Protein backbone atom coordinates (compact mmCIF):
# COMPACT_ATOMS: atom_id res chain seq x y z
CA UNK A 1 156.05 0.02 84.92
CA UNK A 2 157.61 -3.13 86.33
CA UNK A 3 158.90 -3.09 89.87
CA UNK A 4 162.42 -3.60 88.47
CA UNK A 5 162.88 -1.24 85.50
CA UNK A 6 164.42 -2.56 82.30
CA UNK A 7 166.93 -0.03 80.94
CA UNK A 8 168.53 -0.18 77.51
CA UNK A 9 171.78 1.61 76.67
CA UNK A 10 172.64 2.28 73.03
CA UNK A 11 176.22 3.49 72.69
CA UNK A 12 178.79 2.47 70.12
CA UNK A 13 181.60 3.99 72.23
CA UNK A 14 180.49 2.00 75.30
CA UNK A 15 180.60 4.93 77.72
CA UNK A 16 176.99 5.48 78.84
CA UNK A 17 176.64 2.13 80.58
CA UNK A 18 178.89 3.17 83.47
CA UNK A 19 177.01 6.41 83.86
CA UNK A 20 173.69 4.60 84.11
CA UNK A 21 175.11 2.19 86.70
CA UNK A 22 176.46 5.08 88.73
CA UNK A 23 173.13 6.91 88.57
CA UNK A 24 171.16 3.86 89.64
CA UNK A 25 173.64 3.25 92.48
CA UNK A 26 173.06 6.80 93.69
CA UNK A 27 169.31 6.26 93.51
CA UNK A 28 169.77 2.95 95.36
CA UNK A 29 167.36 1.21 92.98
CA UNK A 30 167.42 -2.21 91.40
CA UNK A 31 167.41 -2.41 87.62
CA UNK A 32 168.00 -4.61 84.59
CA UNK A 33 170.54 -3.15 82.17
CA UNK A 34 170.87 -4.19 78.54
CA UNK A 35 173.73 -2.64 76.55
CA UNK A 36 173.54 -2.80 72.74
CA UNK A 37 176.24 -1.04 70.68
CA UNK A 38 174.52 -0.80 67.27
CA UNK A 39 171.30 1.18 66.72
CA UNK A 40 169.65 -1.32 64.40
CA UNK A 41 170.06 -4.20 66.89
CA UNK A 42 168.66 -1.90 69.57
CA UNK A 43 165.60 -1.18 67.40
CA UNK A 44 165.08 -4.92 66.95
CA UNK A 45 165.21 -5.32 70.73
CA UNK A 46 162.65 -2.56 71.20
CA UNK A 47 160.39 -4.33 68.72
CA UNK A 48 160.67 -7.65 70.57
CA UNK A 49 160.60 -6.61 74.25
CA UNK A 50 159.17 -3.80 76.33
CA UNK A 51 161.58 -1.34 77.93
CA UNK A 52 161.04 1.18 80.70
CA UNK A 53 163.87 3.51 79.71
CA UNK A 54 166.38 3.79 76.89
CA UNK A 55 169.55 5.89 77.01
CA UNK A 56 171.32 6.51 73.71
CA UNK A 57 174.33 8.54 72.65
CA UNK A 58 173.80 11.22 70.05
CA UNK A 59 176.69 9.90 67.90
CA UNK A 60 176.22 6.23 67.07
CA UNK A 61 177.69 4.13 64.22
CA UNK A 62 177.00 6.61 61.43
CA UNK A 63 173.80 4.94 60.18
CA UNK A 64 171.62 7.25 62.28
CA UNK A 65 171.88 9.76 65.09
CA UNK A 66 170.57 9.30 68.59
CA UNK A 67 167.59 11.56 67.93
CA UNK A 68 166.69 9.60 64.78
CA UNK A 69 166.97 6.37 66.74
CA UNK A 70 164.70 7.77 69.46
CA UNK A 71 162.03 8.79 66.97
CA UNK A 72 162.05 5.34 65.33
CA UNK A 73 162.02 3.58 68.70
CA UNK A 74 158.99 5.57 69.81
CA UNK A 75 157.17 4.53 66.62
CA UNK A 76 157.93 0.91 67.48
CA UNK A 77 156.91 1.29 71.13
CA UNK A 78 154.63 4.24 71.76
CA UNK A 79 155.22 6.04 75.04
CA UNK A 80 158.75 4.70 75.54
CA UNK A 81 160.90 6.92 77.75
CA UNK A 82 164.13 7.81 75.97
CA UNK A 83 167.15 9.97 76.85
CA UNK A 84 169.49 11.18 74.12
CA UNK A 85 172.83 12.12 75.65
CA UNK A 86 175.03 14.53 73.74
CA UNK A 87 178.54 15.83 74.34
CA UNK A 88 180.44 19.07 73.83
CA UNK A 89 181.62 17.98 70.39
CA UNK A 90 178.13 17.09 69.11
CA UNK A 91 176.17 19.52 66.91
CA UNK A 92 174.00 21.86 68.89
CA UNK A 93 170.27 21.42 68.43
CA UNK A 94 167.74 24.22 68.12
CA UNK A 95 165.71 24.74 71.34
CA UNK A 96 162.48 25.10 69.36
CA UNK A 97 163.06 21.72 67.72
CA UNK A 98 163.89 20.09 71.04
CA UNK A 99 160.60 21.19 72.59
CA UNK A 100 158.68 19.33 69.90
CA UNK A 101 160.57 16.04 70.44
CA UNK A 102 158.87 13.32 72.48
CA UNK A 103 162.05 12.44 74.40
CA UNK A 104 164.64 14.03 76.67
CA UNK A 105 167.78 15.54 75.19
CA UNK A 106 170.73 16.49 77.42
CA UNK A 107 173.68 18.31 75.83
CA UNK A 108 176.25 16.79 78.22
CA UNK A 109 176.39 13.91 80.68
CA UNK A 110 177.40 15.64 83.88
CA UNK A 111 176.38 13.84 87.05
CA UNK A 112 173.62 16.05 88.39
CA UNK A 113 172.19 16.73 84.93
CA UNK A 114 172.26 13.09 83.90
CA UNK A 115 170.90 11.80 87.20
CA UNK A 116 167.87 14.09 87.00
CA UNK A 117 167.16 12.91 83.46
CA UNK A 118 167.24 9.29 84.66
CA UNK A 119 164.83 10.10 87.48
CA UNK A 120 162.42 11.81 85.08
CA UNK A 121 162.64 8.88 82.68
CA UNK A 122 161.82 6.36 85.42
CA UNK A 123 159.33 8.30 87.58
CA UNK A 124 158.01 11.14 85.43
CA UNK A 125 158.72 14.86 85.46
CA UNK A 126 155.80 15.68 87.76
CA UNK A 127 157.05 13.31 90.45
CA UNK A 128 160.62 14.65 90.27
CA UNK A 129 159.48 18.27 90.46
CA UNK A 130 157.25 17.46 93.40
CA UNK A 131 160.15 15.82 95.24
CA UNK A 132 162.47 18.69 94.54
CA UNK A 133 159.98 21.23 95.78
CA UNK A 134 159.33 24.69 94.39
CA UNK A 135 162.34 26.22 96.15
CA UNK A 136 164.76 23.41 95.41
CA UNK A 137 167.86 24.35 93.40
CA UNK A 138 169.47 21.56 91.43
CA UNK A 139 173.27 21.92 91.38
CA UNK A 140 174.45 21.77 87.77
CA UNK A 141 177.98 22.92 87.15
CA UNK A 142 177.91 22.42 83.42
CA UNK A 143 179.98 20.03 81.29
CA UNK A 144 182.84 18.09 82.85
CA UNK A 145 186.21 19.10 81.35
CA UNK A 146 188.19 16.42 79.56
CA UNK A 147 191.25 14.97 81.25
CA UNK A 148 194.51 13.64 79.78
CA UNK A 149 194.14 9.94 80.62
CA UNK A 150 197.74 8.87 80.07
CA UNK A 151 199.15 11.69 82.16
CA UNK A 152 196.58 11.05 84.88
CA UNK A 153 197.41 7.32 84.94
CA UNK A 154 201.06 8.01 85.67
CA UNK A 155 200.10 10.38 88.49
CA UNK A 156 197.76 7.79 90.00
CA UNK A 157 200.31 4.94 89.82
CA UNK A 158 202.95 7.05 91.59
CA UNK A 159 200.49 8.03 94.35
CA UNK A 160 199.44 4.40 94.89
CA UNK A 161 203.09 3.39 95.28
CA UNK A 162 203.97 6.21 97.68
CA UNK A 163 200.89 5.66 99.85
CA UNK A 164 201.16 1.87 99.89
CA UNK A 165 197.53 1.43 98.79
CA UNK A 166 196.29 -1.81 97.26
CA UNK A 167 194.45 0.15 94.58
CA UNK A 168 193.29 3.52 93.45
CA UNK A 169 191.22 5.28 90.82
CA UNK A 170 190.29 8.67 89.42
CA UNK A 171 186.61 9.49 88.82
CA UNK A 172 184.66 12.52 87.62
CA UNK A 173 181.86 14.10 89.61
CA UNK A 174 179.32 12.06 87.60
CA UNK A 175 180.71 8.91 89.20
CA UNK A 176 182.33 7.77 85.96
CA UNK A 177 185.72 6.08 86.51
CA UNK A 178 188.28 7.42 84.07
CA UNK A 179 191.44 5.70 85.39
CA UNK A 180 191.54 2.55 87.54
CA UNK A 181 194.64 0.79 88.83
CA UNK A 182 195.33 -1.94 91.39
CA UNK A 183 192.99 -4.16 93.39
CA UNK A 184 189.95 -1.86 93.56
CA UNK A 185 187.63 -4.78 92.80
CA UNK A 186 187.44 -5.65 96.49
CA UNK A 187 184.73 -3.00 96.84
CA UNK A 188 181.80 -1.92 94.64
CA UNK A 189 183.78 0.92 93.12
CA UNK A 190 181.01 2.02 90.77
CA UNK A 191 178.65 2.50 93.68
CA UNK A 192 181.30 4.29 95.71
CA UNK A 193 182.18 6.76 92.96
CA UNK A 194 178.51 7.39 92.30
CA UNK A 195 178.03 8.25 95.96
CA UNK A 196 181.15 10.38 96.36
CA UNK A 197 180.94 12.34 93.07
CA UNK A 198 178.05 14.70 93.94
CA UNK A 199 179.49 15.39 97.40
CA UNK A 200 182.69 16.76 95.88
CA UNK A 201 180.65 18.91 93.50
CA UNK A 202 179.00 20.49 96.54
CA UNK A 203 182.40 21.89 97.52
CA UNK A 204 181.56 24.91 95.39
CA UNK A 205 179.13 25.92 98.12
CA UNK A 206 181.76 25.56 100.83
CA UNK A 207 184.67 27.35 99.11
CA UNK A 208 183.30 30.90 99.63
CA UNK A 209 182.99 30.20 103.36
CA UNK A 210 186.60 29.12 103.85
CA UNK A 211 188.23 31.24 101.15
CA UNK A 212 189.97 30.21 97.97
CA UNK A 213 189.37 26.99 96.06
CA UNK A 214 190.51 24.72 98.87
CA UNK A 215 190.59 20.92 98.80
CA UNK A 216 188.78 18.20 100.71
CA UNK A 217 189.56 14.75 102.03
CA UNK A 218 187.04 12.06 103.04
CA UNK A 219 188.19 9.13 105.17
CA UNK A 220 186.32 5.93 106.06
CA UNK A 221 187.87 3.38 108.41
CA UNK A 222 186.70 -0.22 108.35
CA UNK A 223 187.67 -3.59 109.77
CA UNK A 224 189.13 -4.77 106.46
CA UNK A 225 189.93 -1.64 104.47
CA UNK A 226 190.31 2.09 104.88
CA UNK A 227 188.96 4.27 102.11
CA UNK A 228 190.36 7.70 101.21
CA UNK A 229 188.98 10.16 98.66
CA UNK A 230 190.53 13.48 97.72
CA UNK A 231 189.12 16.26 95.56
CA UNK A 232 191.00 17.24 92.41
CA UNK A 233 189.15 20.45 91.66
CA UNK A 234 185.38 20.58 91.34
CA UNK A 235 185.02 17.93 88.63
CA UNK A 236 187.36 15.04 89.56
CA UNK A 237 188.52 13.17 92.65
CA UNK A 238 190.94 10.40 93.58
CA UNK A 239 190.13 7.29 95.62
CA UNK A 240 192.59 4.99 97.43
CA UNK A 241 191.91 1.62 99.04
CA UNK A 242 194.29 0.72 101.91
CA UNK A 243 194.55 -2.26 104.21
CA UNK A 244 193.09 -1.44 107.63
CA UNK A 245 196.27 -2.74 109.30
CA UNK A 246 198.29 0.05 107.74
CA UNK A 247 198.33 2.62 110.54
CA UNK A 248 200.57 5.07 108.66
CA UNK A 249 198.27 5.35 105.66
CA UNK A 250 196.50 8.48 106.87
CA UNK A 251 199.68 10.53 106.98
CA UNK A 252 200.84 9.13 103.62
CA UNK A 253 197.51 10.03 101.97
CA UNK A 254 197.54 13.58 103.30
CA UNK A 255 201.03 14.02 101.87
CA UNK A 256 201.35 11.98 98.65
CA UNK A 257 197.63 11.76 97.87
CA UNK A 258 197.34 15.50 98.12
CA UNK A 259 200.37 15.92 95.84
CA UNK A 260 198.71 13.65 93.29
CA UNK A 261 195.45 15.60 93.43
CA UNK A 262 197.38 18.83 92.94
CA UNK A 263 199.12 17.39 89.84
CA UNK A 264 195.74 16.45 88.34
CA UNK A 265 194.55 19.96 89.01
CA UNK A 266 197.62 21.23 87.17
CA UNK A 267 196.74 19.00 84.21
CA UNK A 268 193.25 20.54 84.06
CA UNK A 269 194.51 24.07 84.59
CA UNK A 270 191.83 26.70 85.06
CA UNK A 271 189.19 24.17 84.01
CA UNK A 272 189.60 22.37 87.35
CA UNK A 273 187.77 25.23 89.06
CA UNK A 274 185.68 26.52 86.14
CA UNK A 275 181.95 26.00 86.20
CA UNK A 276 178.74 27.51 84.93
CA UNK A 277 176.24 26.93 87.64
CA UNK A 278 172.68 26.83 86.35
CA UNK A 279 170.44 29.44 87.87
CA UNK A 280 167.17 28.32 89.40
CA UNK A 281 164.17 28.89 87.25
CA UNK A 282 162.48 32.09 88.35
CA UNK A 283 159.05 31.61 89.80
CA UNK A 284 156.41 32.45 87.27
CA UNK A 285 154.07 34.97 88.68
CA UNK A 286 150.73 35.08 86.95
CA UNK A 287 149.68 38.68 86.84
CA UNK A 288 146.21 39.32 88.03
CA UNK A 289 144.01 40.92 85.43
CA UNK A 290 143.76 44.67 85.84
CA UNK A 291 140.28 45.51 87.00
CA UNK A 292 139.16 49.00 86.09
CA UNK A 293 137.78 51.09 88.93
CA UNK A 294 134.03 50.96 89.06
CA UNK A 295 132.74 54.31 87.89
CA UNK A 296 129.51 55.42 89.51
CA UNK A 297 127.61 57.39 86.92
CA UNK A 298 126.75 60.95 87.94
CA UNK A 299 123.05 61.49 88.36
CA UNK A 300 122.06 64.29 86.08
CA UNK A 301 118.57 65.71 86.02
CA UNK A 302 116.97 64.85 82.70
CA UNK A 303 116.56 67.74 80.28
CA UNK A 304 113.16 67.67 78.62
CA UNK A 305 113.20 69.11 75.16
CA UNK A 306 109.77 69.88 73.83
CA UNK A 307 109.24 68.68 70.34
CA UNK A 308 107.54 70.94 67.84
CA UNK A 309 103.77 70.38 67.65
CA UNK A 310 102.57 69.27 64.24
CA UNK A 311 99.19 67.69 65.04
CA UNK A 312 96.22 70.18 64.59
CA UNK A 313 94.17 68.57 67.34
CA UNK A 314 97.12 68.80 69.71
CA UNK A 315 97.59 72.44 68.74
CA UNK A 316 93.96 73.21 69.57
CA UNK A 317 94.23 71.51 72.95
CA UNK A 318 97.31 73.56 73.71
CA UNK A 319 95.65 76.81 72.78
CA UNK A 320 92.50 76.17 74.73
CA UNK A 321 93.95 74.42 77.75
CA UNK A 322 93.06 75.97 81.05
CA UNK A 323 95.80 78.37 82.22
CA UNK A 324 94.19 79.70 85.41
CA UNK A 325 93.91 77.90 88.68
CA UNK A 326 90.35 76.73 89.43
CA UNK A 327 88.33 78.87 91.86
CA UNK A 328 86.84 77.08 94.81
CA UNK A 329 83.06 77.47 95.51
CA UNK A 330 82.41 79.28 92.25
CA UNK A 331 78.79 80.58 92.26
CA UNK A 332 77.73 80.84 88.67
CA UNK A 333 74.20 81.96 89.64
CA UNK A 334 75.67 84.97 91.34
CA UNK A 335 77.31 86.00 88.13
CA UNK A 336 74.84 84.99 85.46
CA UNK A 337 71.59 84.36 87.35
CA UNK A 338 70.24 88.02 87.51
CA UNK A 339 66.98 88.67 85.66
CA UNK A 340 67.77 90.70 82.62
CA UNK A 341 65.55 92.95 80.65
CA UNK A 342 64.31 91.17 77.62
CA UNK A 343 65.29 94.10 75.44
CA UNK A 344 68.84 94.03 76.68
CA UNK A 345 69.85 90.72 75.15
CA UNK A 346 66.71 89.38 73.59
CA UNK A 347 66.77 91.63 70.54
CA UNK A 348 70.52 91.77 70.29
CA UNK A 349 70.57 89.95 67.00
CA UNK A 350 67.15 91.04 65.75
CA UNK A 351 66.77 92.74 62.38
CA UNK A 352 66.18 96.16 64.00
CA UNK A 353 69.27 95.83 66.11
CA UNK A 354 71.31 94.96 63.10
CA UNK A 355 69.94 98.03 61.30
CA UNK A 356 70.80 100.20 64.26
CA UNK A 357 74.32 98.88 64.33
CA UNK A 358 74.48 99.52 60.66
CA UNK A 359 73.57 103.13 61.26
CA UNK A 360 76.12 103.49 64.01
CA UNK A 361 78.86 102.09 61.89
CA UNK A 362 77.99 104.52 59.19
CA UNK A 363 79.38 107.56 61.14
CA UNK A 364 82.35 109.40 59.73
CA UNK A 365 84.85 107.58 61.96
CA UNK A 366 83.25 104.17 61.53
CA UNK A 367 83.17 101.52 58.86
CA UNK A 368 80.34 99.46 57.57
CA UNK A 369 79.88 95.81 58.00
CA UNK A 370 80.88 95.11 54.43
CA UNK A 371 83.98 97.30 54.73
CA UNK A 372 85.06 95.58 57.93
CA UNK A 373 84.58 92.25 56.23
CA UNK A 374 86.57 93.38 53.22
CA UNK A 375 89.37 94.64 55.50
CA UNK A 376 89.60 91.23 57.13
CA UNK A 377 88.62 92.49 60.54
CA UNK A 378 85.85 89.92 60.93
CA UNK A 379 87.87 86.95 59.72
CA UNK A 380 86.39 84.31 57.47
């Protein structure tokens, strides 16, 4: 971005230019302003030259809307920063649609709201949010109520005459001059109204401390001129320029200037004190993920379930496995080493022994070998 930003204003009604001048005066920044009333000529200018910021009204000359102009301008110059400024009478746009648009859209051109949009367009949203800080609350009182210009002009002219001022004006809190009479050109009135406007809007913070709606007067004394400003509600104020040699001006302003401010308040009615202050955006708290308590598994002794034995070899090993504890220092010779009579065991299975056993088994209460075998007593 160039050191001196080039700003384009597209407004058939020729109202936004003063707002941009007031905003840049409040920011105390140099700028180049190009005002083009018709949207097609503005598109041609975008095609020919590079711009840093464009501000367009939503209602133009009927050929296209401000949002349509912004979309076409971005196609001509990618990345262009554009603000589309609406009003209370313009059709309301869907929030979901606005989020998808590559430009800023503001539904009304109130001072604080408009000024912040200008800052974002010139410096970027991240920079603006960093300057504001996380706890900063931007004062936004909502749309500025409309004022009967003709009635207000008559009130201003009468107050200028009664005070003896060389000039006077009525401005809204955005710094936009709505009525201007007399020799106010001796000072930079656009810069003055841009500076004073937000300070009168801050009166809403003071009123609860002093009670009621109240009113405020600001007085600046100089070598050439004295400057007086009086609040006319929360949204408008009056300014009077008086020769510094007029020593009675202060008393006249407090009397006739205050009467004029009260008459403007009466013109506005309840709207003079009505506002809809925007609430600060609640801090987004990112919830920490819920971590389940670590469960220590209970140590349980393993239960061994013996499986049924199906292998024959395994079955045999189970049947013939040793069940008794081994005996230390077992002397087998002491058990089986005695000399035995040869007839004791030697002829145990001889033919004569078998015959003798045959005879013994033949007693009345005995069975023969064949009978025992038939009965299954001897197995296979």
